[in-house]
């Protein structure tokens, strides 16, 4: 939001049309020429047809219900230190936020790219996802910074690992090399400065 405000102050005569949506929707807008720049997590190999400006990375956490499926810390030292391997959570569904038309793509990404083995259940809003987690119906997959929004009396964030390595989500600004102009690049640099 700060990048949008800074851009509008710097270039008050340039209008911004802002769209949100799933990674799939943003990708369609970008490849269809309907968006000049997209800010999103990396879900596929970086393309040479686009400028791929790395912005930041975030560790992934599994937010589990406070009262749910707590193991004895002597049997699970990772739980005692606040982390869990994806294999430890295999019997607990992962709660994903996705519209009906994006559910298959989200499930494929989380299983193929992230290596999750949990069954996926879907919520249509952040509130519904948090209620499902609070009811111990599964765990929420979140960026580490987002987990601060979860009430600590309800949920507990566990750093998520796969074979001992942290799971990390990388964020980029993407834009077409054919559409790389002054204003697009100026906005991208403002966006990058927000993460430094």
C-alpha atoms as a PDB file:
ATOM      1  CA  UNK A   1       0.000   0.000   0.000  1.00  0.00           C
ATOM      2  CA  UNK A   2       2.904   2.344   0.776  1.00  0.00           C
ATOM      3  CA  UNK A   3       4.298   1.848  -2.742  1.00  0.00           C
ATOM      4  CA  UNK A   4       0.934   2.809  -4.250  1.00  0.00           C
ATOM      5  CA  UNK A   5       0.767   5.955  -2.106  1.00  0.00           C
ATOM      6  CA  UNK A   6       4.384   6.897  -2.921  1.00  0.00           C
ATOM      7  CA  UNK A   7       3.802   6.363  -6.654  1.00  0.00           C
ATOM      8  CA  UNK A   8       0.630   8.482  -6.594  1.00  0.00           C
ATOM      9  CA  UNK A   9       2.474  11.322  -4.832  1.00  0.00           C
ATOM     10  CA  UNK A  10       5.395  11.145  -7.257  1.00  0.00           C
ATOM     11  CA  UNK A  11       3.248  10.817 -10.400  1.00  0.00           C
ATOM     12  CA  UNK A  12      -0.121  12.410  -9.536  1.00  0.00           C
ATOM     13  CA  UNK A  13      -1.296  12.474 -13.169  1.00  0.00           C
ATOM     14  CA  UNK A  14      -0.779   8.757 -13.720  1.00  0.00           C
ATOM     15  CA  UNK A  15      -3.800   6.643 -12.794  1.00  0.00           C
ATOM     16  CA  UNK A  16      -3.447   3.232 -11.215  1.00  0.00           C
ATOM     17  CA  UNK A  17      -5.919   0.410 -11.733  1.00  0.00           C
ATOM     18  CA  UNK A  18      -5.418  -2.163  -8.997  1.00  0.00           C
ATOM     19  CA  UNK A  19      -6.714  -5.725  -9.087  1.00  0.00           C
ATOM     20  CA  UNK A  20      -6.379  -8.479  -6.558  1.00  0.00           C
ATOM     21  CA  UNK A  21      -6.864 -12.158  -6.847  1.00  0.00           C
ATOM     22  CA  UNK A  22      -5.293 -15.563  -6.756  1.00  0.00           C
ATOM     23  CA  UNK A  23      -1.920 -16.272  -8.277  1.00  0.00           C
ATOM     24  CA  UNK A  24      -3.670 -17.896 -11.242  1.00  0.00           C
ATOM     25  CA  UNK A  25      -5.872 -14.876 -11.887  1.00  0.00           C
ATOM     26  CA  UNK A  26      -2.955 -12.447 -11.641  1.00  0.00           C
ATOM     27  CA  UNK A  27      -0.917 -14.625 -14.000  1.00  0.00           C
ATOM     28  CA  UNK A  28      -3.779 -14.573 -16.531  1.00  0.00           C
ATOM     29  CA  UNK A  29      -4.031 -10.787 -16.295  1.00  0.00           C
ATOM     30  CA  UNK A  30      -0.296 -10.406 -16.849  1.00  0.00           C
ATOM     31  CA  UNK A  31       0.029 -12.860 -19.741  1.00  0.00           C
ATOM     32  CA  UNK A  32      -3.165 -11.501 -21.312  1.00  0.00           C
ATOM     33  CA  UNK A  33      -1.799  -7.949 -21.336  1.00  0.00           C
ATOM     34  CA  UNK A  34      -4.439  -6.753 -18.869  1.00  0.00           C
ATOM     35  CA  UNK A  35      -1.923  -5.936 -16.115  1.00  0.00           C
ATOM     36  CA  UNK A  36       1.299  -3.970 -16.417  1.00  0.00           C
ATOM     37  CA  UNK A  37       2.861  -5.384 -13.251  1.00  0.00           C
ATOM     38  CA  UNK A  38       1.989  -8.175 -10.842  1.00  0.00           C
ATOM     39  CA  UNK A  39       3.188  -8.644  -7.264  1.00  0.00           C
ATOM     40  CA  UNK A  40       2.921 -12.303  -6.334  1.00  0.00           C
ATOM     41  CA  UNK A  41       4.664 -15.324  -4.923  1.00  0.00           C
ATOM     42  CA  UNK A  42       6.707 -17.502  -7.271  1.00  0.00           C
ATOM     43  CA  UNK A  43       4.674 -20.513  -8.349  1.00  0.00           C
ATOM     44  CA  UNK A  44       6.487 -21.579 -11.532  1.00  0.00           C
ATOM     45  CA  UNK A  45       9.892 -21.292 -13.141  1.00  0.00           C
ATOM     46  CA  UNK A  46      10.867 -17.703 -13.856  1.00  0.00           C
ATOM     47  CA  UNK A  47      10.272 -16.785 -17.489  1.00  0.00           C
ATOM     48  CA  UNK A  48      12.678 -14.901 -19.748  1.00  0.00           C
ATOM     49  CA  UNK A  49       9.657 -13.151 -21.287  1.00  0.00           C
ATOM     50  CA  UNK A  50       9.190 -11.217 -18.064  1.00  0.00           C
ATOM     51  CA  UNK A  51      11.257  -9.083 -15.768  1.00  0.00           C
ATOM     52  CA  UNK A  52      11.281 -10.994 -12.474  1.00  0.00           C
ATOM     53  CA  UNK A  53      12.276  -8.562  -9.725  1.00  0.00           C
ATOM     54  CA  UNK A  54      12.915 -10.399  -6.465  1.00  0.00           C
ATOM     55  CA  UNK A  55      11.350  -8.525  -3.540  1.00  0.00           C
ATOM     56  CA  UNK A  56      11.447 -10.689  -0.422  1.00  0.00           C
ATOM     57  CA  UNK A  57      11.105 -14.158   1.064  1.00  0.00           C
ATOM     58  CA  UNK A  58       8.991 -15.404   3.910  1.00  0.00           C
ATOM     59  CA  UNK A  59       9.214 -18.603   5.918  1.00  0.00           C
ATOM     60  CA  UNK A  60       6.056 -20.658   5.947  1.00  0.00           C
ATOM     61  CA  UNK A  61       4.383 -21.678   9.169  1.00  0.00           C
ATOM     62  CA  UNK A  62       1.656 -24.139  10.038  1.00  0.00           C
ATOM     63  CA  UNK A  63      -0.842 -22.596  12.440  1.00  0.00           C
ATOM     64  CA  UNK A  64      -2.422 -25.315  14.561  1.00  0.00           C
ATOM     65  CA  UNK A  65      -5.217 -25.076  17.102  1.00  0.00           C
ATOM     66  CA  UNK A  66      -3.965 -24.584  20.667  1.00  0.00           C
ATOM     67  CA  UNK A  67      -6.060 -27.488  21.958  1.00  0.00           C
ATOM     68  CA  UNK A  68      -5.513 -29.692  18.926  1.00  0.00           C
ATOM     69  CA  UNK A  69      -3.337 -32.728  18.406  1.00  0.00           C
ATOM     70  CA  UNK A  70      -0.536 -31.744  20.740  1.00  0.00           C
ATOM     71  CA  UNK A  71       2.044 -34.490  21.024  1.00  0.00           C
ATOM     72  CA  UNK A  72       4.201 -35.146  24.022  1.00  0.00           C
ATOM     73  CA  UNK A  73       7.269 -32.927  23.540  1.00  0.00           C
ATOM     74  CA  UNK A  74       9.527 -35.856  24.544  1.00  0.00           C
ATOM     75  CA  UNK A  75       8.259 -37.748  21.487  1.00  0.00           C
ATOM     76  CA  UNK A  76       8.421 -34.755  19.168  1.00  0.00           C
ATOM     77  CA  UNK A  77      11.321 -32.380  19.919  1.00  0.00           C
ATOM     78  CA  UNK A  78      10.454 -30.260  16.872  1.00  0.00           C
ATOM     79  CA  UNK A  79       7.091 -29.411  18.421  1.00  0.00           C
ATOM     80  CA  UNK A  80       8.805 -28.347  21.627  1.00  0.00           C
ATOM     81  CA  UNK A  81      10.972 -25.911  19.671  1.00  0.00           C
ATOM     82  CA  UNK A  82       8.090 -24.534  17.597  1.00  0.00           C
ATOM     83  CA  UNK A  83       8.644 -26.302  14.286  1.00  0.00           C
ATOM     84  CA  UNK A  84       7.147 -29.224  12.397  1.00  0.00           C
ATOM     85  CA  UNK A  85       8.139 -31.201   9.330  1.00  0.00           C
ATOM     86  CA  UNK A  86       5.491 -31.648   6.642  1.00  0.00           C
ATOM     87  CA  UNK A  87       5.580 -35.407   7.369  1.00  0.00           C
ATOM     88  CA  UNK A  88       4.568 -34.792  11.003  1.00  0.00           C
ATOM     89  CA  UNK A  89       1.451 -32.995   9.797  1.00  0.00           C
ATOM     90  CA  UNK A  90       0.499 -35.528   7.119  1.00  0.00           C
ATOM     91  CA  UNK A  91      -2.534 -36.778   9.066  1.00  0.00           C
ATOM     92  CA  UNK A  92      -3.872 -33.253   9.636  1.00  0.00           C
ATOM     93  CA  UNK A  93      -5.556 -31.533   6.655  1.00  0.00           C
ATOM     94  CA  UNK A  94      -4.090 -28.267   5.387  1.00  0.00           C
ATOM     95  CA  UNK A  95      -6.618 -25.424   5.150  1.00  0.00           C
ATOM     96  CA  UNK A  96      -6.193 -23.376   1.975  1.00  0.00           C
ATOM     97  CA  UNK A  97      -7.923 -20.198   0.890  1.00  0.00           C
ATOM     98  CA  UNK A  98      -9.178 -20.569  -2.697  1.00  0.00           C
ATOM     99  CA  UNK A  99     -12.193 -19.898  -4.874  1.00  0.00           C
ATOM    100  CA  UNK A 100     -13.964 -22.891  -6.416  1.00  0.00           C
ATOM    101  CA  UNK A 101     -12.232 -22.437  -9.781  1.00  0.00           C
ATOM    102  CA  UNK A 102      -8.741 -22.254  -8.198  1.00  0.00           C
ATOM    103  CA  UNK A 103      -8.958 -25.208  -5.817  1.00  0.00           C
ATOM    104  CA  UNK A 104      -7.417 -27.784  -8.139  1.00  0.00           C
ATOM    105  CA  UNK A 105      -4.470 -25.501  -9.014  1.00  0.00           C
ATOM    106  CA  UNK A 106      -3.884 -24.656  -5.340  1.00  0.00           C
ATOM    107  CA  UNK A 107      -3.965 -28.315  -4.312  1.00  0.00           C
ATOM    108  CA  UNK A 108      -1.540 -29.244  -7.102  1.00  0.00           C
ATOM    109  CA  UNK A 109       0.870 -26.434  -6.181  1.00  0.00           C
ATOM    110  CA  UNK A 110       0.899 -27.252  -2.477  1.00  0.00           C
ATOM    111  CA  UNK A 111       1.459 -30.957  -3.095  1.00  0.00           C
ATOM    112  CA  UNK A 112       3.874 -30.729  -6.048  1.00  0.00           C
ATOM    113  CA  UNK A 113       5.923 -27.597  -5.340  1.00  0.00           C
ATOM    114  CA  UNK A 114       5.846 -27.451  -1.539  1.00  0.00           C
ATOM    115  CA  UNK A 115       5.789 -31.197  -0.923  1.00  0.00           C
ATOM    116  CA  UNK A 116       2.818 -31.199   1.438  1.00  0.00           C
ATOM    117  CA  UNK A 117       1.221 -34.598   1.885  1.00  0.00           C
ATOM    118  CA  UNK A 118      -1.795 -33.447   3.892  1.00  0.00           C
ATOM    119  CA  UNK A 119      -5.273 -33.645   2.439  1.00  0.00           C
ATOM    120  CA  UNK A 120      -6.486 -30.176   1.407  1.00  0.00           C
ATOM    121  CA  UNK A 121      -9.673 -28.577   2.664  1.00  0.00           C
ATOM    122  CA  UNK A 122     -10.742 -25.201   1.356  1.00  0.00           C
ATOM    123  CA  UNK A 123     -12.131 -22.042   2.828  1.00  0.00           C
ATOM    124  CA  UNK A 124     -13.584 -19.146   0.873  1.00  0.00           C
ATOM    125  CA  UNK A 125     -12.513 -16.452   3.347  1.00  0.00           C
ATOM    126  CA  UNK A 126      -9.737 -15.833   5.851  1.00  0.00           C
ATOM    127  CA  UNK A 127     -12.322 -15.838   8.660  1.00  0.00           C
ATOM    128  CA  UNK A 128     -13.671 -19.241   7.599  1.00  0.00           C
ATOM    129  CA  UNK A 129     -10.113 -20.628   7.417  1.00  0.00           C
ATOM    130  CA  UNK A 130      -9.347 -19.409  10.936  1.00  0.00           C
ATOM    131  CA  UNK A 131     -12.600 -20.877  12.264  1.00  0.00           C
ATOM    132  CA  UNK A 132     -11.744 -24.250  10.713  1.00  0.00           C
ATOM    133  CA  UNK A 133      -8.311 -24.121  12.354  1.00  0.00           C
ATOM    134  CA  UNK A 134      -9.787 -23.082  15.717  1.00  0.00           C
ATOM    135  CA  UNK A 135     -12.167 -26.054  15.486  1.00  0.00           C
ATOM    136  CA  UNK A 136      -9.135 -28.306  14.915  1.00  0.00           C
ATOM    137  CA  UNK A 137     -10.265 -29.268  11.413  1.00  0.00           C
ATOM    138  CA  UNK A 138      -6.754 -28.731  10.029  1.00  0.00           C
ATOM    139  CA  UNK A 139      -3.794 -26.373  10.008  1.00  0.00           C
ATOM    140  CA  UNK A 140      -3.445 -23.049   8.264  1.00  0.00           C
ATOM    141  CA  UNK A 141      -0.477 -22.514   5.981  1.00  0.00           C
ATOM    142  CA  UNK A 142       0.686 -18.908   6.342  1.00  0.00           C
ATOM    143  CA  UNK A 143       3.656 -16.655   5.860  1.00  0.00           C
ATOM    144  CA  UNK A 144       5.488 -16.135   9.130  1.00  0.00           C
ATOM    145  CA  UNK A 145       4.492 -12.462   9.293  1.00  0.00           C
ATOM    146  CA  UNK A 146       0.809 -13.225   8.719  1.00  0.00           C
ATOM    147  CA  UNK A 147       0.671 -15.605  11.671  1.00  0.00           C
ATOM    148  CA  UNK A 148       0.802 -12.625  14.048  1.00  0.00           C
ATOM    149  CA  UNK A 149      -2.834 -11.964  13.021  1.00  0.00           C
ATOM    150  CA  UNK A 150      -3.944 -15.231  14.623  1.00  0.00           C
ATOM    151  CA  UNK A 151      -5.100 -14.974  18.234  1.00  0.00           C
ATOM    152  CA  UNK A 152      -2.371 -16.719  20.300  1.00  0.00           C
ATOM    153  CA  UNK A 153      -5.067 -18.107  22.609  1.00  0.00           C
ATOM    154  CA  UNK A 154      -6.551 -19.941  19.608  1.00  0.00           C
ATOM    155  CA  UNK A 155      -3.641 -20.937  17.385  1.00  0.00           C
ATOM    156  CA  UNK A 156       0.062 -21.651  17.562  1.00  0.00           C
ATOM    157  CA  UNK A 157       2.493 -21.090  14.664  1.00  0.00           C
ATOM    158  CA  UNK A 158       5.025 -23.834  13.933  1.00  0.00           C
ATOM    159  CA  UNK A 159       7.878 -23.128  11.519  1.00  0.00           C
ATOM    160  CA  UNK A 160       7.316 -25.537   8.637  1.00  0.00           C
ATOM    161  CA  UNK A 161      10.184 -27.650   7.322  1.00  0.00           C
ATOM    162  CA  UNK A 162      10.682 -30.381   4.755  1.00  0.00           C
ATOM    163  CA  UNK A 163      13.505 -32.804   5.537  1.00  0.00           C
ATOM    164  CA  UNK A 164      14.980 -30.309   7.985  1.00  0.00           C
ATOM    165  CA  UNK A 165      14.991 -27.367   5.555  1.00  0.00           C
ATOM    166  CA  UNK A 166      12.631 -24.424   6.124  1.00  0.00           C
ATOM    167  CA  UNK A 167       9.836 -23.966   3.604  1.00  0.00           C
ATOM    168  CA  UNK A 168      10.139 -20.502   2.101  1.00  0.00           C
ATOM    169  CA  UNK A 169       7.881 -18.510  -0.209  1.00  0.00           C
ATOM    170  CA  UNK A 170       9.584 -16.006  -2.548  1.00  0.00           C
ATOM    171  CA  UNK A 171       7.831 -12.853  -3.722  1.00  0.00           C
ATOM    172  CA  UNK A 172       8.504 -11.026  -6.975  1.00  0.00           C
ATOM    173  CA  UNK A 173       7.271  -8.153  -9.071  1.00  0.00           C
ATOM    174  CA  UNK A 174       6.663  -9.477 -12.587  1.00  0.00           C
ATOM    175  CA  UNK A 175       6.146  -7.507 -15.782  1.00  0.00           C
ATOM    176  CA  UNK A 176       6.491  -8.184 -19.478  1.00  0.00           C
ATOM    177  CA  UNK A 177       9.812  -7.251 -21.078  1.00  0.00           C
ATOM    178  CA  UNK A 178       7.718  -5.834 -23.937  1.00  0.00           C
ATOM    179  CA  UNK A 179       6.011  -3.472 -21.485  1.00  0.00           C
ATOM    180  CA  UNK A 180       9.042  -2.308 -19.540  1.00  0.00           C
ATOM    181  CA  UNK A 181       8.633   1.445 -19.444  1.00  0.00           C
ATOM    182  CA  UNK A 182       9.576   4.271 -17.121  1.00  0.00           C
ATOM    183  CA  UNK A 183       6.432   4.188 -14.965  1.00  0.00           C
ATOM    184  CA  UNK A 184       6.329   0.390 -14.636  1.00  0.00           C
ATOM    185  CA  UNK A 185       9.964   0.311 -13.569  1.00  0.00           C
ATOM    186  CA  UNK A 186       9.498   3.287 -11.223  1.00  0.00           C
ATOM    187  CA  UNK A 187       6.603   1.517  -9.517  1.00  0.00           C
ATOM    188  CA  UNK A 188       8.611  -1.717  -9.273  1.00  0.00           C
ATOM    189  CA  UNK A 189      11.504   0.114  -7.590  1.00  0.00           C
ATOM    190  CA  UNK A 190       9.119   1.776  -5.116  1.00  0.00           C
ATOM    191  CA  UNK A 191       7.684  -1.642  -4.345  1.00  0.00           C
ATOM    192  CA  UNK A 192      11.175  -3.107  -3.866  1.00  0.00           C
ATOM    193  CA  UNK A 193      12.106  -0.274  -1.482  1.00  0.00           C
ATOM    194  CA  UNK A 194       9.229  -1.351   0.804  1.00  0.00           C
ATOM    195  CA  UNK A 195      11.029  -4.640   1.459  1.00  0.00           C
ATOM    196  CA  UNK A 196      14.521  -3.279   2.152  1.00  0.00           C
END
